[in-house]
Amino acid sequence: MPALILLVLGGSILTVGDVIFKFYAETPKSFLYVLGLIVYLLGLIFLVQTYKTENIAIASAIFVIINIVTLLFVSKFYFGEQPSLWQVVGVIIAIVAILLMELGK
C-alpha cells in the first residue's frame, strides 16, 4: 500500500483519538482515556509502517499535517468551533507543504 495512503489513514485515525480525548476532557471517564490511547496507537501503527519506505522526517511531517487538517474540519463541522483566518492560512500552507514533499520524491 502506498505510504501516502497509510499516512492519510493513520492521521485520520489519530483525529478520532483526538475527538475521544476531547470527550474525555469534557466528561472524565476512564474508559474514554483508555479508548483514546488505543485509537492513537492504531493510528501510529500506520505511521510506523511508512518508515519502511519513507524518510522518517517526511513521513512524520505528513502524518502530523494530515492530523491537523482533519482536526480543523472536525472542530468546525462537528464541534462548531470557528477557525481563525490564520489557522485556515496555516492549513493551506500545510497542504502545499505535503504536495511539495510528495512532488520532491
N, C-alpha and C. Protein backbone atom coordinates (compact mmCIF):
# COMPACT_ATOMS: atom_id res chain seq x y z
N MET A 1 0.85 -1.18 0.00
CA MET A 1 0.00 0.00 0.00
C MET A 1 0.90 1.25 0.00
N PRO A 2 0.61 2.22 -0.86
CA PRO A 2 1.45 3.42 -0.90
C PRO A 2 1.50 4.15 0.44
N ALA A 3 2.66 4.71 0.72
CA ALA A 3 2.89 5.37 2.02
C ALA A 3 1.90 6.50 2.26
N LEU A 4 1.57 7.29 1.24
CA LEU A 4 0.67 8.41 1.44
C LEU A 4 -0.71 7.95 1.91
N ILE A 5 -1.17 6.83 1.38
CA ILE A 5 -2.48 6.29 1.81
C ILE A 5 -2.39 5.87 3.27
N LEU A 6 -1.31 5.20 3.65
CA LEU A 6 -1.13 4.80 5.06
C LEU A 6 -1.10 6.03 5.97
N LEU A 7 -0.43 7.09 5.52
CA LEU A 7 -0.34 8.30 6.34
C LEU A 7 -1.70 8.99 6.47
N VAL A 8 -2.48 9.00 5.41
CA VAL A 8 -3.83 9.59 5.48
C VAL A 8 -4.71 8.77 6.41
N LEU A 9 -4.66 7.46 6.30
CA LEU A 9 -5.45 6.60 7.20
C LEU A 9 -5.01 6.79 8.65
N GLY A 10 -3.71 6.75 8.88
CA GLY A 10 -3.19 6.90 10.24
C GLY A 10 -3.51 8.26 10.83
N GLY A 11 -3.33 9.32 10.04
CA GLY A 11 -3.64 10.67 10.52
C GLY A 11 -5.12 10.84 10.82
N SER A 12 -5.96 10.21 10.01
CA SER A 12 -7.40 10.28 10.24
C SER A 12 -7.80 9.51 11.50
N ILE A 13 -7.18 8.35 11.70
CA ILE A 13 -7.45 7.58 12.91
C ILE A 13 -6.99 8.36 14.14
N LEU A 14 -5.85 9.03 14.01
CA LEU A 14 -5.36 9.87 15.12
C LEU A 14 -6.38 10.96 15.46
N THR A 15 -7.03 11.50 14.44
CA THR A 15 -8.07 12.51 14.67
C THR A 15 -9.22 11.93 15.49
N VAL A 16 -9.59 10.70 15.21
CA VAL A 16 -10.63 10.04 16.01
C VAL A 16 -10.17 9.95 17.46
N GLY A 17 -8.91 9.62 17.67
CA GLY A 17 -8.36 9.59 19.03
C GLY A 17 -8.42 10.95 19.70
N ASP A 18 -8.12 12.00 18.93
CA ASP A 18 -8.22 13.36 19.48
C ASP A 18 -9.64 13.70 19.91
N VAL A 19 -10.61 13.29 19.10
CA VAL A 19 -12.02 13.54 19.44
C VAL A 19 -12.40 12.79 20.71
N ILE A 20 -11.95 11.57 20.84
CA ILE A 20 -12.23 10.80 22.06
C ILE A 20 -11.61 11.49 23.27
N PHE A 21 -10.37 11.99 23.12
CA PHE A 21 -9.73 12.71 24.22
C PHE A 21 -10.47 14.01 24.56
N LYS A 22 -11.06 14.67 23.57
CA LYS A 22 -11.85 15.87 23.85
C LYS A 22 -13.07 15.50 24.69
N PHE A 23 -13.73 14.40 24.32
CA PHE A 23 -14.86 13.93 25.13
C PHE A 23 -14.41 13.60 26.54
N TYR A 24 -13.23 12.98 26.66
CA TYR A 24 -12.69 12.67 27.98
C TYR A 24 -12.44 13.95 28.79
N ALA A 25 -11.92 14.97 28.13
CA ALA A 25 -11.63 16.23 28.82
C ALA A 25 -12.91 16.89 29.33
N GLU A 26 -14.00 16.72 28.57
CA GLU A 26 -15.27 17.32 28.97
C GLU A 26 -16.01 16.47 30.00
N THR A 27 -15.87 15.17 29.90
CA THR A 27 -16.53 14.23 30.82
C THR A 27 -15.52 13.16 31.21
N PRO A 28 -14.69 13.43 32.21
CA PRO A 28 -13.61 12.48 32.54
C PRO A 28 -14.13 11.10 32.95
N LYS A 29 -14.09 10.19 32.02
CA LYS A 29 -14.44 8.80 32.29
C LYS A 29 -13.24 7.97 31.85
N SER A 30 -12.79 7.10 32.71
CA SER A 30 -11.57 6.33 32.46
C SER A 30 -11.60 5.57 31.15
N PHE A 31 -12.77 5.02 30.79
CA PHE A 31 -12.81 4.22 29.57
C PHE A 31 -12.55 5.08 28.33
N LEU A 32 -12.92 6.37 28.37
CA LEU A 32 -12.63 7.25 27.24
C LEU A 32 -11.13 7.49 27.10
N TYR A 33 -10.45 7.61 28.22
CA TYR A 33 -9.00 7.81 28.21
C TYR A 33 -8.30 6.58 27.61
N VAL A 34 -8.70 5.40 28.06
CA VAL A 34 -8.11 4.16 27.56
C VAL A 34 -8.44 3.97 26.08
N LEU A 35 -9.69 4.24 25.70
CA LEU A 35 -10.09 4.12 24.31
C LEU A 35 -9.30 5.08 23.42
N GLY A 36 -9.11 6.30 23.90
CA GLY A 36 -8.32 7.28 23.15
C GLY A 36 -6.90 6.80 22.93
N LEU A 37 -6.29 6.23 23.96
CA LEU A 37 -4.93 5.69 23.83
C LEU A 37 -4.86 4.55 22.82
N ILE A 38 -5.84 3.67 22.86
CA ILE A 38 -5.87 2.54 21.93
C ILE A 38 -6.01 3.04 20.50
N VAL A 39 -6.91 4.00 20.27
CA VAL A 39 -7.10 4.53 18.92
C VAL A 39 -5.84 5.24 18.45
N TYR A 40 -5.20 6.00 19.34
CA TYR A 40 -3.93 6.66 19.00
C TYR A 40 -2.89 5.63 18.56
N LEU A 41 -2.78 4.55 19.31
CA LEU A 41 -1.80 3.52 18.96
C LEU A 41 -2.11 2.90 17.59
N LEU A 42 -3.38 2.71 17.29
CA LEU A 42 -3.75 2.19 15.98
C LEU A 42 -3.31 3.14 14.88
N GLY A 43 -3.52 4.43 15.09
CA GLY A 43 -3.08 5.42 14.11
C GLY A 43 -1.58 5.42 13.93
N LEU A 44 -0.86 5.29 15.04
CA LEU A 44 0.60 5.29 14.97
C LEU A 44 1.16 4.05 14.27
N ILE A 45 0.42 2.95 14.29
CA ILE A 45 0.85 1.74 13.58
C ILE A 45 0.99 2.04 12.09
N PHE A 46 0.06 2.83 11.55
CA PHE A 46 0.15 3.20 10.13
C PHE A 46 1.40 4.04 9.88
N LEU A 47 1.70 4.96 10.79
CA LEU A 47 2.90 5.78 10.64
C LEU A 47 4.15 4.91 10.64
N VAL A 48 4.23 4.00 11.58
CA VAL A 48 5.41 3.14 11.70
C VAL A 48 5.60 2.31 10.43
N GLN A 49 4.52 1.85 9.83
CA GLN A 49 4.63 1.07 8.61
C GLN A 49 5.25 1.88 7.47
N THR A 50 4.99 3.18 7.45
CA THR A 50 5.56 4.01 6.37
C THR A 50 7.06 4.19 6.52
N TYR A 51 7.58 3.99 7.72
CA TYR A 51 9.02 4.14 7.92
C TYR A 51 9.82 3.11 7.11
N LYS A 52 9.16 2.06 6.67
CA LYS A 52 9.84 1.04 5.87
C LYS A 52 10.21 1.57 4.49
N THR A 53 9.43 2.55 4.00
CA THR A 53 9.66 3.04 2.64
C THR A 53 9.88 4.55 2.55
N GLU A 54 9.61 5.27 3.62
CA GLU A 54 9.69 6.73 3.59
C GLU A 54 10.76 7.24 4.55
N ASN A 55 11.24 8.40 4.28
CA ASN A 55 12.13 9.13 5.18
C ASN A 55 11.33 9.43 6.45
N ILE A 56 11.91 9.18 7.62
CA ILE A 56 11.19 9.34 8.89
C ILE A 56 10.69 10.77 9.08
N ALA A 57 11.51 11.75 8.73
CA ALA A 57 11.12 13.15 8.92
C ALA A 57 9.95 13.52 8.01
N ILE A 58 10.00 13.10 6.77
CA ILE A 58 8.93 13.42 5.81
C ILE A 58 7.64 12.71 6.21
N ALA A 59 7.73 11.43 6.54
CA ALA A 59 6.54 10.67 6.92
C ALA A 59 5.89 11.27 8.17
N SER A 60 6.69 11.61 9.16
CA SER A 60 6.15 12.19 10.40
C SER A 60 5.51 13.54 10.14
N ALA A 61 6.14 14.36 9.31
CA ALA A 61 5.59 15.67 9.00
C ALA A 61 4.25 15.55 8.27
N ILE A 62 4.19 14.68 7.28
CA ILE A 62 2.93 14.49 6.55
C ILE A 62 1.85 13.96 7.48
N PHE A 63 2.21 13.02 8.33
CA PHE A 63 1.26 12.43 9.28
C PHE A 63 0.65 13.51 10.19
N VAL A 64 1.49 14.37 10.73
CA VAL A 64 1.02 15.42 11.63
C VAL A 64 0.17 16.44 10.88
N ILE A 65 0.59 16.80 9.68
CA ILE A 65 -0.17 17.77 8.89
C ILE A 65 -1.55 17.23 8.56
N ILE A 66 -1.62 15.96 8.18
CA ILE A 66 -2.93 15.35 7.88
C ILE A 66 -3.81 15.37 9.13
N ASN A 67 -3.23 15.08 10.27
CA ASN A 67 -3.98 15.12 11.53
C ASN A 67 -4.51 16.53 11.79
N ILE A 68 -3.68 17.53 11.58
CA ILE A 68 -4.09 18.92 11.81
C ILE A 68 -5.21 19.33 10.85
N VAL A 69 -5.07 18.97 9.59
CA VAL A 69 -6.09 19.32 8.60
C VAL A 69 -7.43 18.67 8.94
N THR A 70 -7.40 17.38 9.27
CA THR A 70 -8.66 16.70 9.61
C THR A 70 -9.25 17.24 10.91
N LEU A 71 -8.38 17.61 11.85
CA LEU A 71 -8.88 18.20 13.10
C LEU A 71 -9.56 19.54 12.86
N LEU A 72 -9.04 20.32 11.92
CA LEU A 72 -9.68 21.60 11.60
C LEU A 72 -11.10 21.38 11.10
N PHE A 73 -11.27 20.40 10.21
CA PHE A 73 -12.60 20.11 9.69
C PHE A 73 -13.53 19.56 10.77
N VAL A 74 -13.02 18.66 11.59
CA VAL A 74 -13.84 18.09 12.67
C VAL A 74 -14.23 19.18 13.67
N SER A 75 -13.28 20.03 14.03
CA SER A 75 -13.60 21.07 15.01
C SER A 75 -14.64 22.04 14.47
N LYS A 76 -14.58 22.32 13.16
CA LYS A 76 -15.56 23.25 12.58
C LYS A 76 -16.93 22.60 12.40
N PHE A 77 -16.95 21.43 11.77
CA PHE A 77 -18.23 20.85 11.38
C PHE A 77 -18.87 19.97 12.45
N TYR A 78 -18.10 19.46 13.39
CA TYR A 78 -18.69 18.63 14.44
C TYR A 78 -18.86 19.40 15.75
N PHE A 79 -17.82 20.12 16.14
CA PHE A 79 -17.88 20.85 17.40
C PHE A 79 -18.33 22.30 17.24
N GLY A 80 -18.44 22.77 16.00
CA GLY A 80 -18.90 24.12 15.75
C GLY A 80 -17.90 25.20 16.14
N GLU A 81 -16.62 24.84 16.22
CA GLU A 81 -15.58 25.81 16.56
C GLU A 81 -15.12 26.51 15.28
N GLN A 82 -15.13 27.82 15.30
CA GLN A 82 -14.76 28.59 14.12
C GLN A 82 -13.25 28.81 14.07
N PRO A 83 -12.57 28.33 13.01
CA PRO A 83 -11.13 28.59 12.92
C PRO A 83 -10.86 30.04 12.54
N SER A 84 -9.74 30.54 12.99
CA SER A 84 -9.36 31.91 12.63
C SER A 84 -8.82 31.92 11.20
N LEU A 85 -8.71 33.10 10.65
CA LEU A 85 -8.16 33.25 9.31
C LEU A 85 -6.74 32.69 9.26
N TRP A 86 -5.94 32.97 10.29
CA TRP A 86 -4.56 32.50 10.33
C TRP A 86 -4.49 30.98 10.41
N GLN A 87 -5.42 30.36 11.10
CA GLN A 87 -5.45 28.90 11.17
C GLN A 87 -5.75 28.31 9.80
N VAL A 88 -6.68 28.91 9.09
CA VAL A 88 -7.02 28.44 7.74
C VAL A 88 -5.82 28.63 6.81
N VAL A 89 -5.17 29.78 6.90
CA VAL A 89 -3.98 30.04 6.08
C VAL A 89 -2.90 29.01 6.41
N GLY A 90 -2.71 28.72 7.68
CA GLY A 90 -1.72 27.72 8.09
C GLY A 90 -2.02 26.35 7.51
N VAL A 91 -3.28 25.97 7.50
CA VAL A 91 -3.66 24.67 6.95
C VAL A 91 -3.42 24.64 5.44
N ILE A 92 -3.72 25.73 4.77
CA ILE A 92 -3.46 25.79 3.32
C ILE A 92 -1.96 25.65 3.05
N ILE A 93 -1.16 26.34 3.83
CA ILE A 93 0.30 26.23 3.68
C ILE A 93 0.75 24.80 3.97
N ALA A 94 0.14 24.15 4.97
CA ALA A 94 0.50 22.76 5.30
C ALA A 94 0.16 21.83 4.14
N ILE A 95 -0.98 22.04 3.50
CA ILE A 95 -1.37 21.21 2.36
C ILE A 95 -0.38 21.40 1.21
N VAL A 96 0.01 22.65 0.97
CA VAL A 96 1.02 22.93 -0.05
C VAL A 96 2.33 22.23 0.31
N ALA A 97 2.68 22.23 1.60
CA ALA A 97 3.91 21.56 2.04
C ALA A 97 3.85 20.06 1.73
N ILE A 98 2.71 19.42 1.96
CA ILE A 98 2.57 18.00 1.65
C ILE A 98 2.76 17.78 0.15
N LEU A 99 2.13 18.63 -0.65
CA LEU A 99 2.27 18.49 -2.10
C LEU A 99 3.73 18.64 -2.53
N LEU A 100 4.42 19.62 -1.95
CA LEU A 100 5.83 19.81 -2.29
C LEU A 100 6.69 18.63 -1.86
N MET A 101 6.40 18.07 -0.68
CA MET A 101 7.16 16.91 -0.22
C MET A 101 6.93 15.70 -1.12
N GLU A 102 5.69 15.53 -1.57
CA GLU A 102 5.38 14.39 -2.42
C GLU A 102 5.94 14.58 -3.83
N LEU A 103 5.94 15.81 -4.32
CA LEU A 103 6.49 16.08 -5.65
C LEU A 103 8.01 15.99 -5.66
N GLY A 104 8.63 16.20 -4.50
CA GLY A 104 10.07 16.19 -4.40
C GLY A 104 10.69 14.80 -4.39
N LYS A 105 9.89 13.78 -4.51
CA LYS A 105 10.42 12.40 -4.49
C LYS A 105 11.15 12.09 -5.78
